[in-house]
Amino acid sequence: MHSSLQIMGLWVIMEGFLLFANALAILNEDRFLFRRGWTLAEVSGPRRNSVKGQFIGLIYACQYMRLPLILLNIITIVVKLFTG
């Protein structure tokens, strides 16, 4: 019983990270990121190692990895359909 609760907790955490990655992947550069100065061109050089630079890098990495995100979403949906 205890190990099944740990597995369910891990599954919920992984779903949360997947939802967060989906949220970052759909941010539009022209409508959202550019207006706030959150483009890769804005944080070049030593500013890339700042927290803002790292977060912008994470946004662009999620946008670059859209196909694996789509596959992970499909897997998650299928698992949810069978397990409830």
C-alpha atoms as a PDB file:
ATOM      1  CA  MET A   1       0.000   0.000   0.000  1.00  0.00           C
ATOM      2  CA  HIS A   2       2.751   2.416   0.902  1.00  0.00           C
ATOM      3  CA  SER A   3       4.684   1.935  -2.363  1.00  0.00           C
ATOM      4  CA  SER A   4       1.530   2.485  -4.456  1.00  0.00           C
ATOM      5  CA  LEU A   5       1.032   5.841  -2.729  1.00  0.00           C
ATOM      6  CA  GLN A   6       4.623   6.785  -3.524  1.00  0.00           C
ATOM      7  CA  ILE A   7       4.143   5.816  -7.175  1.00  0.00           C
ATOM      8  CA  MET A   8       0.933   7.853  -7.354  1.00  0.00           C
ATOM      9  CA  GLY A   9       2.732  10.806  -5.800  1.00  0.00           C
ATOM     10  CA  LEU A  10       5.527  10.526  -8.345  1.00  0.00           C
ATOM     11  CA  TRP A  11       2.961  10.301 -11.167  1.00  0.00           C
ATOM     12  CA  VAL A  12       1.205  13.472  -9.955  1.00  0.00           C
ATOM     13  CA  ILE A  13       4.524  15.325  -9.755  1.00  0.00           C
ATOM     14  CA  MET A  14       5.430  14.225 -13.298  1.00  0.00           C
ATOM     15  CA  GLU A  15       2.000  15.378 -14.536  1.00  0.00           C
ATOM     16  CA  GLY A  16       2.588  18.737 -12.887  1.00  0.00           C
ATOM     17  CA  PHE A  17       5.938  19.149 -14.636  1.00  0.00           C
ATOM     18  CA  LEU A  18       4.317  18.161 -17.925  1.00  0.00           C
ATOM     19  CA  LEU A  19       1.596  20.781 -17.468  1.00  0.00           C
ATOM     20  CA  PHE A  20       4.229  23.401 -16.613  1.00  0.00           C
ATOM     21  CA  ALA A  21       6.262  22.500 -19.713  1.00  0.00           C
ATOM     22  CA  ASN A  22       3.093  22.745 -21.817  1.00  0.00           C
ATOM     23  CA  ALA A  23       2.404  26.200 -20.407  1.00  0.00           C
ATOM     24  CA  LEU A  24       5.908  27.379 -21.303  1.00  0.00           C
ATOM     25  CA  ALA A  25       5.779  25.809 -24.759  1.00  0.00           C
ATOM     26  CA  ILE A  26       2.690  27.743 -25.840  1.00  0.00           C
ATOM     27  CA  LEU A  27       4.018  31.206 -24.958  1.00  0.00           C
ATOM     28  CA  ASN A  28       4.087  33.296 -28.121  1.00  0.00           C
ATOM     29  CA  GLU A  29       7.301  35.234 -28.680  1.00  0.00           C
ATOM     30  CA  ASP A  30       5.694  38.159 -30.530  1.00  0.00           C
ATOM     31  CA  ARG A  31       2.647  38.626 -28.323  1.00  0.00           C
ATOM     32  CA  PHE A  32       4.061  37.828 -24.903  1.00  0.00           C
ATOM     33  CA  LEU A  33       7.819  37.440 -24.647  1.00  0.00           C
ATOM     34  CA  PHE A  34       8.961  40.322 -26.873  1.00  0.00           C
ATOM     35  CA  ARG A  35       6.794  42.909 -25.096  1.00  0.00           C
ATOM     36  CA  ARG A  36       8.340  42.019 -21.748  1.00  0.00           C
ATOM     37  CA  GLY A  37      11.922  41.867 -23.032  1.00  0.00           C
ATOM     38  CA  TRP A  38      12.138  38.111 -22.561  1.00  0.00           C
ATOM     39  CA  THR A  39      13.889  37.149 -25.794  1.00  0.00           C
ATOM     40  CA  LEU A  40      17.219  35.390 -26.167  1.00  0.00           C
ATOM     41  CA  ALA A  41      18.658  38.513 -27.799  1.00  0.00           C
ATOM     42  CA  GLU A  42      17.866  40.532 -24.660  1.00  0.00           C
ATOM     43  CA  VAL A  43      19.841  38.235 -22.365  1.00  0.00           C
ATOM     44  CA  SER A  44      23.058  37.651 -24.252  1.00  0.00           C
ATOM     45  CA  GLY A  45      26.499  37.454 -22.746  1.00  0.00           C
ATOM     46  CA  PRO A  46      26.940  37.453 -18.964  1.00  0.00           C
ATOM     47  CA  ARG A  47      23.245  38.152 -18.351  1.00  0.00           C
ATOM     48  CA  ARG A  48      22.440  34.677 -19.668  1.00  0.00           C
ATOM     49  CA  ASN A  49      23.551  33.177 -16.339  1.00  0.00           C
ATOM     50  CA  SER A  50      21.092  35.279 -14.350  1.00  0.00           C
ATOM     51  CA  VAL A  51      17.828  33.822 -13.079  1.00  0.00           C
ATOM     52  CA  LYS A  52      15.913  35.669 -15.796  1.00  0.00           C
ATOM     53  CA  GLY A  53      18.305  34.377 -18.460  1.00  0.00           C
ATOM     54  CA  GLN A  54      17.987  30.814 -17.208  1.00  0.00           C
ATOM     55  CA  PHE A  55      14.190  31.053 -17.174  1.00  0.00           C
ATOM     56  CA  ILE A  56      14.150  32.438 -20.730  1.00  0.00           C
ATOM     57  CA  GLY A  57      16.397  29.558 -21.776  1.00  0.00           C
ATOM     58  CA  LEU A  58      13.917  27.140 -20.179  1.00  0.00           C
ATOM     59  CA  ILE A  59      11.040  28.737 -22.127  1.00  0.00           C
ATOM     60  CA  TYR A  60      12.886  28.387 -25.423  1.00  0.00           C
ATOM     61  CA  ALA A  61      13.922  24.814 -24.607  1.00  0.00           C
ATOM     62  CA  CYS A  62      10.282  23.869 -23.985  1.00  0.00           C
ATOM     63  CA  GLN A  63       9.285  25.508 -27.262  1.00  0.00           C
ATOM     64  CA  TYR A  64      12.013  23.614 -29.082  1.00  0.00           C
ATOM     65  CA  MET A  65      10.921  20.281 -27.590  1.00  0.00           C
ATOM     66  CA  ARG A  66       7.280  20.501 -28.704  1.00  0.00           C
ATOM     67  CA  LEU A  67       7.197  17.122 -30.466  1.00  0.00           C
ATOM     68  CA  PRO A  68       8.374  15.175 -27.387  1.00  0.00           C
ATOM     69  CA  LEU A  69       5.865  17.161 -25.322  1.00  0.00           C
ATOM     70  CA  ILE A  70       3.078  16.123 -27.688  1.00  0.00           C
ATOM     71  CA  LEU A  71       4.137  12.489 -27.350  1.00  0.00           C
ATOM     72  CA  LEU A  72       4.276  12.736 -23.551  1.00  0.00           C
ATOM     73  CA  ASN A  73       0.817  14.310 -23.539  1.00  0.00           C
ATOM     74  CA  ILE A  74      -0.563  11.454 -25.645  1.00  0.00           C
ATOM     75  CA  ILE A  75       1.012   8.872 -23.322  1.00  0.00           C
ATOM     76  CA  THR A  76      -0.408  10.666 -20.286  1.00  0.00           C
ATOM     77  CA  ILE A  77      -3.883  10.810 -21.810  1.00  0.00           C
ATOM     78  CA  VAL A  78      -3.816   7.094 -22.687  1.00  0.00           C
ATOM     79  CA  VAL A  79      -2.628   6.154 -19.201  1.00  0.00           C
ATOM     80  CA  LYS A  80      -5.347   8.323 -17.646  1.00  0.00           C
ATOM     81  CA  LEU A  81      -7.979   6.696 -19.869  1.00  0.00           C
ATOM     82  CA  PHE A  82      -7.004   3.215 -18.699  1.00  0.00           C
ATOM     83  CA  THR A  83      -6.307   3.940 -15.031  1.00  0.00           C
ATOM     84  CA  GLY A  84      -8.973   6.543 -14.359  1.00  0.00           C
END
